[in-house]
Structure formats: C-alpha cells, structure tokens
Amino acid sequence: MRKIVITTVVVVVAGVIIWQIVTASGDEAPIRVRNGSMTIDTDGEWKEDGGAWSNETGKEHKGDFWVRVDLTDGNTCKGTGRPVQIEYSAGGFKAMFNVVGNPPRTKVSPKGQLNKESNKRLSHGASGEYITGVRIKGDTLTCDIRQNNLKVINICSSADAADCQ
C-alpha cells in the first residue's frame, strides 16, 4: 500500500511540473513597430514599470533581441543584440527597447513620451513624423529607411520567432 501511495504522489508531482513547464514555455511574442505616428504593438500587455513600459506576456525571453526591418519594396534588414533604439524624426525622441528584470522582460522607454492607447498598443508622434533608423548595441543597422518605405520593425525575444527570421 505504501508503494502505491508513494508512486501516486511521484506521478502527480511529475505531472504538475511537466504542466508548468509546458504552459510557461514559449517565446515572448514579437513586438511590432510601425511608421508614421509610431505605434508599438504586442500580443502581450503593456504595464507601467517605473520610467518604462513592460511587455507582460508570461512567456520566456532569451535575453537578446532579434530584429527584422521590413521595407515596402520587399527588402529586409536584420540584426541581433540589445538595447535596440528606434530613432524618430521628432527632435530628441528615441524609443529604447531593453531586457531587464527577473524574470527578464522587454522594457520600452521613455514612458512619459509613449502614450498607452490600449493594453496592447503604445504610440508616439503626430502626422508627418516618421522612423529614421534603428540602432542595436549603439551601432546603426544598415537599412535604407526613408519617410514612406518602412512597413514594420519586428523585435523578437528569440531567434525562433518567425517574424524575425
């Protein structure tokens, strides 16, 4: 009888551990940055976190960013690292993406210059303003971004995310 109880407890505990691993695994959803009045979209939820917005997804973050810039002519530019800085035509504004915390989360700053339109969208800017470039670890990502040719910038927490391959 004691063997059956011990075996049952071991099986139940193993099942709980496996369930937690399966439901907690997976990569943080890609963040999409679009041109014009800059919008920053997530499949997670933006939450206030000090001077930044935190991308809360309940998913794993690999510690770096994989970035893919898609242009309207079909060309793409890619890079890896952190922090990622999105440069903007409005003087003095730069959106900064970094990984901080335990568990690690994507943080976007400056919070005071990004409006929370919804739990899934942050925005900055006005009509006529646009993204001018991307920097990764301080280095410019070589990509011919102009006022009207940017389709989307995908920022992923893993190389496994299809949006950043």
C-alpha atoms as a PDB file:
ATOM      1  CA  MET A   1       0.000   0.000   0.000  1.00  0.00           C
ATOM      2  CA  ARG A   2       2.812   2.409   0.883  1.00  0.00           C
ATOM      3  CA  LYS A   3       4.447   1.792  -2.558  1.00  0.00           C
ATOM      4  CA  ILE A   4       1.202   2.698  -4.345  1.00  0.00           C
ATOM      5  CA  VAL A   5       0.827   5.957  -2.365  1.00  0.00           C
ATOM      6  CA  ILE A   6       4.460   6.981  -2.976  1.00  0.00           C
ATOM      7  CA  THR A   7       4.195   6.099  -6.667  1.00  0.00           C
ATOM      8  CA  THR A   8       0.940   8.047  -6.973  1.00  0.00           C
ATOM      9  CA  VAL A   9       2.469  11.114  -5.288  1.00  0.00           C
ATOM     10  CA  VAL A  10       5.543  10.970  -7.564  1.00  0.00           C
ATOM     11  CA  VAL A  11       3.362  10.678 -10.686  1.00  0.00           C
ATOM     12  CA  VAL A  12       1.125  13.596  -9.597  1.00  0.00           C
ATOM     13  CA  VAL A  13       4.111  15.828  -8.751  1.00  0.00           C
ATOM     14  CA  ALA A  14       5.812  14.965 -12.058  1.00  0.00           C
ATOM     15  CA  GLY A  15       2.578  15.766 -13.910  1.00  0.00           C
ATOM     16  CA  VAL A  16       2.287  19.162 -12.209  1.00  0.00           C
ATOM     17  CA  ILE A  17       5.916  20.018 -13.014  1.00  0.00           C
ATOM     18  CA  ILE A  18       5.520  18.993 -16.665  1.00  0.00           C
ATOM     19  CA  TRP A  19       2.271  21.010 -16.957  1.00  0.00           C
ATOM     20  CA  GLN A  20       4.002  24.128 -15.537  1.00  0.00           C
ATOM     21  CA  ILE A  21       6.914  23.768 -17.952  1.00  0.00           C
ATOM     22  CA  VAL A  22       4.642  23.302 -20.972  1.00  0.00           C
ATOM     23  CA  THR A  23       2.321  26.210 -20.133  1.00  0.00           C
ATOM     24  CA  ALA A  24       5.166  28.586 -19.194  1.00  0.00           C
ATOM     25  CA  SER A  25       7.404  27.794 -22.152  1.00  0.00           C
ATOM     26  CA  GLY A  26       7.324  29.562 -25.459  1.00  0.00           C
ATOM     27  CA  ASP A  27       8.863  32.787 -26.545  1.00  0.00           C
ATOM     28  CA  GLU A  28       7.724  36.276 -25.749  1.00  0.00           C
ATOM     29  CA  ALA A  29       5.556  37.471 -28.639  1.00  0.00           C
ATOM     30  CA  PRO A  30       7.199  39.741 -31.229  1.00  0.00           C
ATOM     31  CA  ILE A  31       6.830  43.485 -30.824  1.00  0.00           C
ATOM     32  CA  ARG A  32       5.870  45.347 -33.991  1.00  0.00           C
ATOM     33  CA  VAL A  33       6.874  48.976 -34.551  1.00  0.00           C
ATOM     34  CA  ARG A  34       5.133  50.798 -37.376  1.00  0.00           C
ATOM     35  CA  ASN A  35       5.972  54.084 -39.097  1.00  0.00           C
ATOM     36  CA  GLY A  36       4.265  57.469 -39.156  1.00  0.00           C
ATOM     37  CA  SER A  37       2.796  58.195 -35.776  1.00  0.00           C
ATOM     38  CA  MET A  38       4.922  55.446 -34.195  1.00  0.00           C
ATOM     39  CA  THR A  39       2.887  52.523 -32.851  1.00  0.00           C
ATOM     40  CA  ILE A  40       4.401  49.739 -30.754  1.00  0.00           C
ATOM     41  CA  ASP A  41       2.184  46.649 -30.655  1.00  0.00           C
ATOM     42  CA  THR A  42       2.456  43.485 -28.578  1.00  0.00           C
ATOM     43  CA  ASP A  43       0.495  40.264 -28.276  1.00  0.00           C
ATOM     44  CA  GLY A  44       1.087  40.585 -24.523  1.00  0.00           C
ATOM     45  CA  GLU A  45       0.101  43.537 -22.353  1.00  0.00           C
ATOM     46  CA  TRP A  46       1.885  46.841 -21.683  1.00  0.00           C
ATOM     47  CA  LYS A  47       2.172  47.612 -17.951  1.00  0.00           C
ATOM     48  CA  GLU A  48       3.734  50.631 -16.234  1.00  0.00           C
ATOM     49  CA  ASP A  49       7.109  49.835 -14.682  1.00  0.00           C
ATOM     50  CA  GLY A  50       8.903  52.904 -13.302  1.00  0.00           C
ATOM     51  CA  GLY A  51      10.152  55.022 -16.205  1.00  0.00           C
ATOM     52  CA  ALA A  52       9.333  52.356 -18.789  1.00  0.00           C
ATOM     53  CA  TRP A  53       6.561  50.181 -20.179  1.00  0.00           C
ATOM     54  CA  SER A  54       6.942  46.444 -19.535  1.00  0.00           C
ATOM     55  CA  ASN A  55       5.798  43.845 -22.081  1.00  0.00           C
ATOM     56  CA  GLU A  56       3.996  41.287 -19.901  1.00  0.00           C
ATOM     57  CA  THR A  57       3.404  38.054 -21.771  1.00  0.00           C
ATOM     58  CA  GLY A  58       4.076  35.274 -19.267  1.00  0.00           C
ATOM     59  CA  LYS A  59       6.475  33.856 -21.855  1.00  0.00           C
ATOM     60  CA  GLU A  60      10.202  33.266 -21.901  1.00  0.00           C
ATOM     61  CA  HIS A  61      12.727  35.894 -23.008  1.00  0.00           C
ATOM     62  CA  LYS A  62      16.109  34.716 -24.330  1.00  0.00           C
ATOM     63  CA  GLY A  63      17.972  37.855 -23.172  1.00  0.00           C
ATOM     64  CA  ASP A  64      18.716  39.419 -26.563  1.00  0.00           C
ATOM     65  CA  PHE A  65      16.621  40.878 -29.363  1.00  0.00           C
ATOM     66  CA  TRP A  66      16.378  39.621 -32.908  1.00  0.00           C
ATOM     67  CA  VAL A  67      15.327  42.495 -35.172  1.00  0.00           C
ATOM     68  CA  ARG A  68      13.952  42.368 -38.698  1.00  0.00           C
ATOM     69  CA  VAL A  69      13.096  45.547 -40.598  1.00  0.00           C
ATOM     70  CA  ASP A  70      10.653  45.018 -43.477  1.00  0.00           C
ATOM     71  CA  LEU A  71      10.558  47.665 -46.190  1.00  0.00           C
ATOM     72  CA  THR A  72       7.681  48.206 -48.614  1.00  0.00           C
ATOM     73  CA  ASP A  73       9.840  47.142 -51.595  1.00  0.00           C
ATOM     74  CA  GLY A  74      10.295  43.658 -50.085  1.00  0.00           C
ATOM     75  CA  ASN A  75      13.843  44.207 -48.782  1.00  0.00           C
ATOM     76  CA  THR A  76      14.679  43.291 -45.177  1.00  0.00           C
ATOM     77  CA  CYS A  77      17.471  44.161 -42.750  1.00  0.00           C
ATOM     78  CA  LYS A  78      18.334  42.043 -39.703  1.00  0.00           C
ATOM     79  CA  GLY A  79      20.352  42.387 -36.529  1.00  0.00           C
ATOM     80  CA  THR A  80      20.763  40.888 -33.065  1.00  0.00           C
ATOM     81  CA  GLY A  81      21.597  42.352 -29.661  1.00  0.00           C
ATOM     82  CA  ARG A  82      20.420  44.843 -27.081  1.00  0.00           C
ATOM     83  CA  PRO A  83      19.499  47.529 -26.431  1.00  0.00           C
ATOM     84  CA  VAL A  84      17.514  48.384 -29.569  1.00  0.00           C
ATOM     85  CA  GLN A  85      16.913  52.060 -30.250  1.00  0.00           C
ATOM     86  CA  ILE A  86      14.322  53.303 -32.749  1.00  0.00           C
ATOM     87  CA  GLU A  87      15.239  56.772 -34.000  1.00  0.00           C
ATOM     88  CA  TYR A  88      12.499  59.198 -34.907  1.00  0.00           C
ATOM     89  CA  SER A  89      12.176  62.411 -36.892  1.00  0.00           C
ATOM     90  CA  ALA A  90      10.791  64.326 -33.897  1.00  0.00           C
ATOM     91  CA  GLY A  91      13.811  66.012 -32.297  1.00  0.00           C
ATOM     92  CA  GLY A  92      15.080  64.352 -29.162  1.00  0.00           C
ATOM     93  CA  PHE A  93      12.782  61.314 -29.182  1.00  0.00           C
ATOM     94  CA  LYS A  94      14.185  57.790 -29.373  1.00  0.00           C
ATOM     95  CA  ALA A  95      12.286  54.671 -28.289  1.00  0.00           C
ATOM     96  CA  MET A  96      14.627  52.372 -26.338  1.00  0.00           C
ATOM     97  CA  PHE A  97      13.976  48.631 -26.009  1.00  0.00           C
ATOM     98  CA  ASN A  98      15.926  46.708 -23.387  1.00  0.00           C
ATOM     99  CA  VAL A  99      15.722  43.483 -21.383  1.00  0.00           C
ATOM    100  CA  VAL A 100      15.638  43.816 -17.602  1.00  0.00           C
ATOM    101  CA  GLY A 101      14.297  42.090 -14.522  1.00  0.00           C
ATOM    102  CA  ASN A 102      13.945  38.606 -13.177  1.00  0.00           C
ATOM    103  CA  PRO A 103      12.214  37.038 -14.977  1.00  0.00           C
ATOM    104  CA  PRO A 104      13.576  39.050 -17.917  1.00  0.00           C
ATOM    105  CA  ARG A 105      11.050  41.291 -19.669  1.00  0.00           C
ATOM    106  CA  THR A 106      11.149  43.683 -22.589  1.00  0.00           C
ATOM    107  CA  LYS A 107      11.017  47.279 -21.354  1.00  0.00           C
ATOM    108  CA  VAL A 108      10.336  50.268 -23.593  1.00  0.00           C
ATOM    109  CA  SER A 109      11.194  53.832 -22.600  1.00  0.00           C
ATOM    110  CA  PRO A 110      10.793  56.754 -22.168  1.00  0.00           C
ATOM    111  CA  LYS A 111       7.400  56.008 -20.633  1.00  0.00           C
ATOM    112  CA  GLY A 112       6.445  59.700 -20.434  1.00  0.00           C
ATOM    113  CA  GLN A 113       6.721  60.131 -24.218  1.00  0.00           C
ATOM    114  CA  LEU A 114       4.826  56.969 -25.154  1.00  0.00           C
ATOM    115  CA  ASN A 115       1.033  57.020 -24.884  1.00  0.00           C
ATOM    116  CA  LYS A 116      -0.766  53.841 -23.896  1.00  0.00           C
ATOM    117  CA  GLU A 117      -3.595  53.602 -26.431  1.00  0.00           C
ATOM    118  CA  SER A 118      -4.648  50.152 -25.203  1.00  0.00           C
ATOM    119  CA  ASN A 119      -3.188  47.239 -23.243  1.00  0.00           C
ATOM    120  CA  LYS A 120      -1.582  46.091 -26.497  1.00  0.00           C
ATOM    121  CA  ARG A 121      -0.504  49.395 -28.101  1.00  0.00           C
ATOM    122  CA  LEU A 122       1.842  52.281 -27.268  1.00  0.00           C
ATOM    123  CA  SER A 123       2.183  55.287 -29.563  1.00  0.00           C
ATOM    124  CA  HIS A 124       4.238  58.421 -30.111  1.00  0.00           C
ATOM    125  CA  GLY A 125       4.215  61.231 -32.617  1.00  0.00           C
ATOM    126  CA  ALA A 126       1.946  63.046 -34.955  1.00  0.00           C
ATOM    127  CA  SER A 127       1.145  63.092 -38.628  1.00  0.00           C
ATOM    128  CA  GLY A 128       4.229  63.784 -40.746  1.00  0.00           C
ATOM    129  CA  GLU A 129       6.708  62.315 -38.255  1.00  0.00           C
ATOM    130  CA  TYR A 130       8.451  59.035 -39.052  1.00  0.00           C
ATOM    131  CA  ILE A 131      11.074  56.484 -38.036  1.00  0.00           C
ATOM    132  CA  THR A 132      14.539  57.372 -39.332  1.00  0.00           C
ATOM    133  CA  GLY A 133      16.658  54.429 -38.210  1.00  0.00           C
ATOM    134  CA  VAL A 134      17.436  51.520 -35.906  1.00  0.00           C
ATOM    135  CA  ARG A 135      20.453  51.077 -33.633  1.00  0.00           C
ATOM    136  CA  ILE A 136      21.433  47.814 -31.962  1.00  0.00           C
ATOM    137  CA  LYS A 137      24.035  47.990 -29.173  1.00  0.00           C
ATOM    138  CA  GLY A 138      24.670  51.573 -30.330  1.00  0.00           C
ATOM    139  CA  ASP A 139      25.533  50.553 -33.897  1.00  0.00           C
ATOM    140  CA  THR A 140      23.368  51.653 -36.810  1.00  0.00           C
ATOM    141  CA  LEU A 141      21.518  48.845 -38.570  1.00  0.00           C
ATOM    142  CA  THR A 142      22.314  49.427 -42.232  1.00  0.00           C
ATOM    143  CA  CYS A 143      18.900  49.765 -43.789  1.00  0.00           C
ATOM    144  CA  ASP A 144      17.572  52.364 -46.193  1.00  0.00           C
ATOM    145  CA  ILE A 145      14.682  53.598 -44.018  1.00  0.00           C
ATOM    146  CA  ARG A 146      13.012  56.653 -45.518  1.00  0.00           C
ATOM    147  CA  GLN A 147       9.850  58.541 -44.688  1.00  0.00           C
ATOM    148  CA  ASN A 148       7.496  56.345 -46.742  1.00  0.00           C
ATOM    149  CA  ASN A 149       9.200  52.983 -47.230  1.00  0.00           C
ATOM    150  CA  LEU A 150       9.005  51.296 -43.809  1.00  0.00           C
ATOM    151  CA  LYS A 151       6.460  48.514 -43.485  1.00  0.00           C
ATOM    152  CA  VAL A 152       7.262  47.219 -39.971  1.00  0.00           C
ATOM    153  CA  ILE A 153      10.091  46.614 -37.498  1.00  0.00           C
ATOM    154  CA  ASN A 154       9.750  43.249 -35.724  1.00  0.00           C
ATOM    155  CA  ILE A 155      11.568  42.931 -32.403  1.00  0.00           C
ATOM    156  CA  CYS A 156      11.654  39.358 -31.067  1.00  0.00           C
ATOM    157  CA  SER A 157      12.941  37.777 -27.883  1.00  0.00           C
ATOM    158  CA  SER A 158      14.143  34.656 -29.681  1.00  0.00           C
ATOM    159  CA  ALA A 159      15.666  33.646 -32.998  1.00  0.00           C
ATOM    160  CA  ASP A 160      12.880  31.049 -33.163  1.00  0.00           C
ATOM    161  CA  ALA A 161      10.192  33.682 -33.749  1.00  0.00           C
ATOM    162  CA  ALA A 162       9.121  33.506 -37.392  1.00  0.00           C
ATOM    163  CA  ASP A 163       8.579  37.295 -37.546  1.00  0.00           C
ATOM    164  CA  CYS A 164      12.317  37.878 -37.043  1.00  0.00           C
ATOM    165  CA  GLN A 165      13.821  35.151 -39.236  1.00  0.00           C
END
